[in-house]
Amino acid sequence: MNRSSWLVRAWAVLVLILAARLIWVVSPAGGGRPIRVVPLVLDPNLASVEELQLLPGVGRSRAEQIVLERIRRGPFRSLAELERVDGIGADTVRNLARHLVVPPH
């Protein structure tokens, strides 16, 4: 086996390993529930319903309520203002604080 052939095979093996790793990370686990990847930081004034659903404890209904609240009453000026949304209290805001940021306007 010449050097070029060996190098091609080594790259092929590496690509297969990385692909298998990616499939493992995004495939359903534990009872068919998909793995959720949580973004480091979201701005609740810019995030879509789909992006908000990535946050822990936020389903489609709550994400839609957040978006509707910011449409109705304007942007959130602080994380504490998320409590304007039905079903979101101080504890929920505290749990989401590490995933959300409201930049100064």
N, C-alpha and C. Protein backbone atom coordinates (compact mmCIF):
# COMPACT_ATOMS: atom_id res chain seq x y z
N MET A 1 0.85 -1.17 0.00
CA MET A 1 0.00 0.00 0.00
C MET A 1 0.90 1.24 0.00
N ASN A 2 0.68 2.11 -0.99
CA ASN A 2 1.52 3.30 -1.04
C ASN A 2 1.01 4.37 -0.07
N ARG A 3 1.79 5.40 0.12
CA ARG A 3 1.47 6.44 1.11
C ARG A 3 0.17 7.17 0.78
N SER A 4 -0.06 7.45 -0.48
CA SER A 4 -1.27 8.15 -0.89
C SER A 4 -2.52 7.33 -0.58
N SER A 5 -2.46 6.05 -0.85
CA SER A 5 -3.59 5.16 -0.59
C SER A 5 -3.84 5.06 0.91
N TRP A 6 -2.80 4.99 1.69
CA TRP A 6 -2.94 4.91 3.14
C TRP A 6 -3.58 6.17 3.68
N LEU A 7 -3.15 7.33 3.16
CA LEU A 7 -3.68 8.61 3.61
C LEU A 7 -5.18 8.73 3.28
N VAL A 8 -5.57 8.30 2.10
CA VAL A 8 -6.99 8.34 1.72
C VAL A 8 -7.80 7.44 2.65
N ARG A 9 -7.32 6.27 2.95
CA ARG A 9 -8.03 5.36 3.85
C ARG A 9 -8.11 5.92 5.27
N ALA A 10 -7.05 6.55 5.72
CA ALA A 10 -7.06 7.14 7.06
C ALA A 10 -8.10 8.25 7.14
N TRP A 11 -8.18 9.10 6.11
CA TRP A 11 -9.19 10.16 6.08
C TRP A 11 -10.59 9.57 6.03
N ALA A 12 -10.77 8.49 5.27
CA ALA A 12 -12.09 7.86 5.18
C ALA A 12 -12.52 7.32 6.55
N VAL A 13 -11.60 6.71 7.26
CA VAL A 13 -11.92 6.19 8.60
C VAL A 13 -12.27 7.34 9.54
N LEU A 14 -11.52 8.43 9.48
CA LEU A 14 -11.79 9.59 10.32
C LEU A 14 -13.18 10.17 10.02
N VAL A 15 -13.52 10.29 8.76
CA VAL A 15 -14.83 10.80 8.37
C VAL A 15 -15.93 9.89 8.87
N LEU A 16 -15.74 8.57 8.77
CA LEU A 16 -16.74 7.63 9.26
C LEU A 16 -16.92 7.73 10.77
N ILE A 17 -15.82 7.89 11.49
CA ILE A 17 -15.90 8.04 12.95
C ILE A 17 -16.65 9.31 13.31
N LEU A 18 -16.33 10.42 12.64
CA LEU A 18 -17.01 11.68 12.93
C LEU A 18 -18.49 11.61 12.57
N ALA A 19 -18.82 10.96 11.46
CA ALA A 19 -20.22 10.81 11.06
C ALA A 19 -20.97 9.96 12.07
N ALA A 20 -20.36 8.88 12.53
CA ALA A 20 -21.00 8.02 13.52
C ALA A 20 -21.22 8.80 14.82
N ARG A 21 -20.27 9.61 15.20
CA ARG A 21 -20.39 10.43 16.40
C ARG A 21 -21.54 11.43 16.26
N LEU A 22 -21.64 12.07 15.09
CA LEU A 22 -22.71 13.03 14.85
C LEU A 22 -24.07 12.34 14.90
N ILE A 23 -24.19 11.19 14.27
CA ILE A 23 -25.45 10.45 14.28
C ILE A 23 -25.81 10.08 15.72
N TRP A 24 -24.83 9.68 16.51
CA TRP A 24 -25.09 9.32 17.91
C TRP A 24 -25.59 10.52 18.70
N VAL A 25 -25.03 11.70 18.44
CA VAL A 25 -25.38 12.89 19.19
C VAL A 25 -26.79 13.35 18.86
N VAL A 26 -27.21 13.27 17.59
CA VAL A 26 -28.52 13.81 17.21
C VAL A 26 -29.63 12.76 17.13
N SER A 27 -29.29 11.50 17.33
CA SER A 27 -30.33 10.47 17.23
C SER A 27 -31.15 10.41 18.53
N PRO A 28 -32.37 9.91 18.43
CA PRO A 28 -33.20 9.79 19.64
C PRO A 28 -32.54 8.88 20.67
N ALA A 29 -32.73 9.24 21.93
CA ALA A 29 -32.17 8.44 23.01
C ALA A 29 -33.19 8.31 24.13
N GLY A 30 -33.13 7.23 24.83
CA GLY A 30 -33.97 7.05 26.01
C GLY A 30 -35.45 7.18 25.75
N GLY A 31 -36.06 6.14 25.27
CA GLY A 31 -37.51 6.15 25.08
C GLY A 31 -37.96 6.93 23.86
N GLY A 32 -37.07 7.10 22.89
CA GLY A 32 -37.45 7.77 21.67
C GLY A 32 -37.53 9.28 21.78
N ARG A 33 -37.07 9.86 22.89
CA ARG A 33 -37.10 11.31 23.03
C ARG A 33 -35.85 11.89 22.38
N PRO A 34 -36.01 12.92 21.55
CA PRO A 34 -34.83 13.50 20.90
C PRO A 34 -33.94 14.24 21.90
N ILE A 35 -32.68 14.25 21.60
CA ILE A 35 -31.72 14.99 22.41
C ILE A 35 -31.90 16.46 22.09
N ARG A 36 -31.97 17.31 23.11
CA ARG A 36 -32.10 18.74 22.89
C ARG A 36 -30.75 19.41 23.10
N VAL A 37 -30.36 20.21 22.14
CA VAL A 37 -29.13 20.98 22.26
C VAL A 37 -29.53 22.39 22.65
N VAL A 38 -29.06 22.83 23.79
CA VAL A 38 -29.45 24.14 24.30
C VAL A 38 -28.41 25.17 23.87
N PRO A 39 -28.87 26.24 23.23
CA PRO A 39 -27.93 27.28 22.84
C PRO A 39 -27.32 27.95 24.07
N LEU A 40 -26.14 28.50 23.89
CA LEU A 40 -25.50 29.16 25.02
C LEU A 40 -26.32 30.35 25.50
N VAL A 41 -26.75 31.20 24.58
CA VAL A 41 -27.48 32.40 24.97
C VAL A 41 -28.47 32.77 23.86
N LEU A 42 -29.69 33.10 24.25
CA LEU A 42 -30.71 33.60 23.33
C LEU A 42 -31.21 34.94 23.82
N ASP A 43 -31.56 35.81 22.88
CA ASP A 43 -32.24 37.05 23.21
C ASP A 43 -33.73 36.79 23.01
N PRO A 44 -34.55 36.84 24.07
CA PRO A 44 -35.97 36.55 23.93
C PRO A 44 -36.70 37.55 23.03
N ASN A 45 -36.07 38.68 22.73
CA ASN A 45 -36.68 39.66 21.83
C ASN A 45 -36.44 39.33 20.36
N LEU A 46 -35.50 38.45 20.09
CA LEU A 46 -35.17 38.11 18.71
C LEU A 46 -35.42 36.64 18.38
N ALA A 47 -35.51 35.81 19.39
CA ALA A 47 -35.62 34.36 19.18
C ALA A 47 -36.97 33.98 18.59
N SER A 48 -36.93 33.00 17.71
CA SER A 48 -38.15 32.47 17.11
C SER A 48 -38.79 31.46 18.07
N VAL A 49 -40.01 31.06 17.74
CA VAL A 49 -40.70 30.04 18.54
C VAL A 49 -39.85 28.78 18.57
N GLU A 50 -39.30 28.39 17.43
CA GLU A 50 -38.49 27.17 17.36
C GLU A 50 -37.25 27.28 18.23
N GLU A 51 -36.59 28.43 18.22
CA GLU A 51 -35.39 28.62 19.05
C GLU A 51 -35.75 28.60 20.53
N LEU A 52 -36.83 29.24 20.90
CA LEU A 52 -37.23 29.27 22.32
C LEU A 52 -37.56 27.87 22.83
N GLN A 53 -38.06 27.01 21.95
CA GLN A 53 -38.38 25.64 22.36
C GLN A 53 -37.14 24.84 22.73
N LEU A 54 -35.97 25.30 22.34
CA LEU A 54 -34.73 24.61 22.69
C LEU A 54 -34.36 24.81 24.16
N LEU A 55 -34.98 25.78 24.80
CA LEU A 55 -34.68 26.04 26.20
C LEU A 55 -35.33 25.00 27.09
N PRO A 56 -34.67 24.65 28.20
CA PRO A 56 -35.24 23.64 29.10
C PRO A 56 -36.56 24.12 29.71
N GLY A 57 -37.57 23.28 29.62
CA GLY A 57 -38.86 23.58 30.21
C GLY A 57 -39.75 24.47 29.36
N VAL A 58 -39.32 24.79 28.14
CA VAL A 58 -40.11 25.63 27.26
C VAL A 58 -40.59 24.79 26.08
N GLY A 59 -41.89 24.57 26.04
CA GLY A 59 -42.48 23.85 24.93
C GLY A 59 -43.05 24.82 23.91
N ARG A 60 -43.73 24.28 22.93
CA ARG A 60 -44.27 25.12 21.85
C ARG A 60 -45.24 26.18 22.39
N SER A 61 -46.13 25.78 23.28
CA SER A 61 -47.14 26.71 23.79
C SER A 61 -46.49 27.89 24.52
N ARG A 62 -45.56 27.60 25.40
CA ARG A 62 -44.90 28.68 26.16
C ARG A 62 -44.06 29.55 25.24
N ALA A 63 -43.38 28.94 24.27
CA ALA A 63 -42.59 29.72 23.32
C ALA A 63 -43.49 30.66 22.52
N GLU A 64 -44.64 30.17 22.10
CA GLU A 64 -45.59 31.01 21.37
C GLU A 64 -46.09 32.15 22.26
N GLN A 65 -46.33 31.87 23.54
CA GLN A 65 -46.78 32.92 24.46
C GLN A 65 -45.72 34.01 24.63
N ILE A 66 -44.45 33.61 24.67
CA ILE A 66 -43.37 34.60 24.79
C ILE A 66 -43.35 35.51 23.57
N VAL A 67 -43.43 34.91 22.39
CA VAL A 67 -43.41 35.70 21.15
C VAL A 67 -44.64 36.61 21.08
N LEU A 68 -45.82 36.09 21.42
CA LEU A 68 -47.03 36.91 21.39
C LEU A 68 -46.95 38.07 22.37
N GLU A 69 -46.39 37.82 23.55
CA GLU A 69 -46.27 38.89 24.55
C GLU A 69 -45.36 40.00 24.07
N ARG A 70 -44.27 39.65 23.43
CA ARG A 70 -43.37 40.71 22.94
C ARG A 70 -43.98 41.45 21.76
N ILE A 71 -44.85 40.79 20.99
CA ILE A 71 -45.54 41.48 19.89
C ILE A 71 -46.59 42.44 20.48
N ARG A 72 -47.34 41.97 21.46
CA ARG A 72 -48.41 42.78 22.06
C ARG A 72 -47.90 43.98 22.83
N ARG A 73 -46.88 43.76 23.68
CA ARG A 73 -46.47 44.80 24.62
C ARG A 73 -45.07 45.34 24.40
N GLY A 74 -44.44 44.91 23.33
CA GLY A 74 -43.10 45.42 23.03
C GLY A 74 -42.02 44.53 23.61
N PRO A 75 -40.78 44.86 23.32
CA PRO A 75 -39.67 44.02 23.74
C PRO A 75 -39.51 43.97 25.25
N PHE A 76 -38.91 42.87 25.69
CA PHE A 76 -38.59 42.71 27.11
C PHE A 76 -37.36 43.56 27.39
N ARG A 77 -37.43 44.40 28.40
CA ARG A 77 -36.29 45.26 28.75
C ARG A 77 -35.37 44.60 29.77
N SER A 78 -35.87 43.53 30.40
CA SER A 78 -35.06 42.76 31.35
C SER A 78 -35.61 41.34 31.39
N LEU A 79 -34.84 40.43 31.94
CA LEU A 79 -35.32 39.05 32.07
C LEU A 79 -36.53 38.98 33.00
N ALA A 80 -36.56 39.83 34.01
CA ALA A 80 -37.69 39.82 34.95
C ALA A 80 -39.01 40.11 34.24
N GLU A 81 -38.97 40.85 33.14
CA GLU A 81 -40.19 41.15 32.39
C GLU A 81 -40.79 39.92 31.72
N LEU A 82 -40.05 38.83 31.67
CA LEU A 82 -40.62 37.59 31.13
C LEU A 82 -41.78 37.11 32.00
N GLU A 83 -41.84 37.59 33.23
CA GLU A 83 -42.94 37.22 34.11
C GLU A 83 -44.27 37.78 33.62
N ARG A 84 -44.25 38.67 32.63
CA ARG A 84 -45.50 39.15 32.01
C ARG A 84 -46.22 38.01 31.29
N VAL A 85 -45.49 36.98 30.92
CA VAL A 85 -46.05 35.85 30.18
C VAL A 85 -46.75 34.91 31.15
N ASP A 86 -48.01 34.56 30.82
CA ASP A 86 -48.75 33.61 31.66
C ASP A 86 -47.96 32.32 31.81
N GLY A 87 -47.86 31.84 33.04
CA GLY A 87 -47.17 30.58 33.31
C GLY A 87 -45.69 30.72 33.57
N ILE A 88 -45.16 31.92 33.45
CA ILE A 88 -43.74 32.14 33.74
C ILE A 88 -43.65 33.00 35.00
N GLY A 89 -43.04 32.42 36.00
CA GLY A 89 -42.85 33.13 37.26
C GLY A 89 -41.38 33.35 37.53
N ALA A 90 -41.08 33.82 38.71
CA ALA A 90 -39.71 34.14 39.10
C ALA A 90 -38.81 32.90 39.04
N ASP A 91 -39.34 31.74 39.46
CA ASP A 91 -38.53 30.52 39.43
C ASP A 91 -38.15 30.13 38.00
N THR A 92 -39.09 30.24 37.09
CA THR A 92 -38.81 29.91 35.69
C THR A 92 -37.78 30.87 35.12
N VAL A 93 -37.94 32.15 35.40
CA VAL A 93 -36.97 33.14 34.93
C VAL A 93 -35.59 32.82 35.49
N ARG A 94 -35.51 32.46 36.75
CA ARG A 94 -34.23 32.11 37.38
C ARG A 94 -33.61 30.90 36.69
N ASN A 95 -34.46 29.89 36.35
CA ASN A 95 -33.94 28.69 35.68
C ASN A 95 -33.47 28.95 34.25
N LEU A 96 -34.07 29.92 33.61
CA LEU A 96 -33.71 30.24 32.22
C LEU A 96 -32.63 31.30 32.11
N ALA A 97 -32.29 31.94 33.21
CA ALA A 97 -31.39 33.10 33.17
C ALA A 97 -30.04 32.79 32.53
N ARG A 98 -29.54 31.60 32.70
CA ARG A 98 -28.21 31.30 32.11
C ARG A 98 -28.30 31.08 30.60
N HIS A 99 -29.51 30.95 30.07
CA HIS A 99 -29.70 30.72 28.64
C HIS A 99 -30.22 31.95 27.90
N LEU A 100 -30.56 33.00 28.65
CA LEU A 100 -31.16 34.18 28.04
C LEU A 100 -30.39 35.44 28.41
N VAL A 101 -30.43 36.38 27.52
CA VAL A 101 -29.84 37.70 27.78
C VAL A 101 -30.70 38.73 27.07
N VAL A 102 -30.95 39.84 27.76
CA VAL A 102 -31.65 40.97 27.14
C VAL A 102 -30.63 42.10 27.07
N PRO A 103 -30.09 42.33 25.86
CA PRO A 103 -29.10 43.40 25.73
C PRO A 103 -29.74 44.77 25.94
N PRO A 104 -28.97 45.74 26.39
CA PRO A 104 -29.53 47.09 26.56
C PRO A 104 -29.94 47.67 25.21
N HIS A 105 -31.04 48.40 25.21
CA HIS A 105 -31.53 49.01 23.96
C HIS A 105 -31.28 50.49 23.96
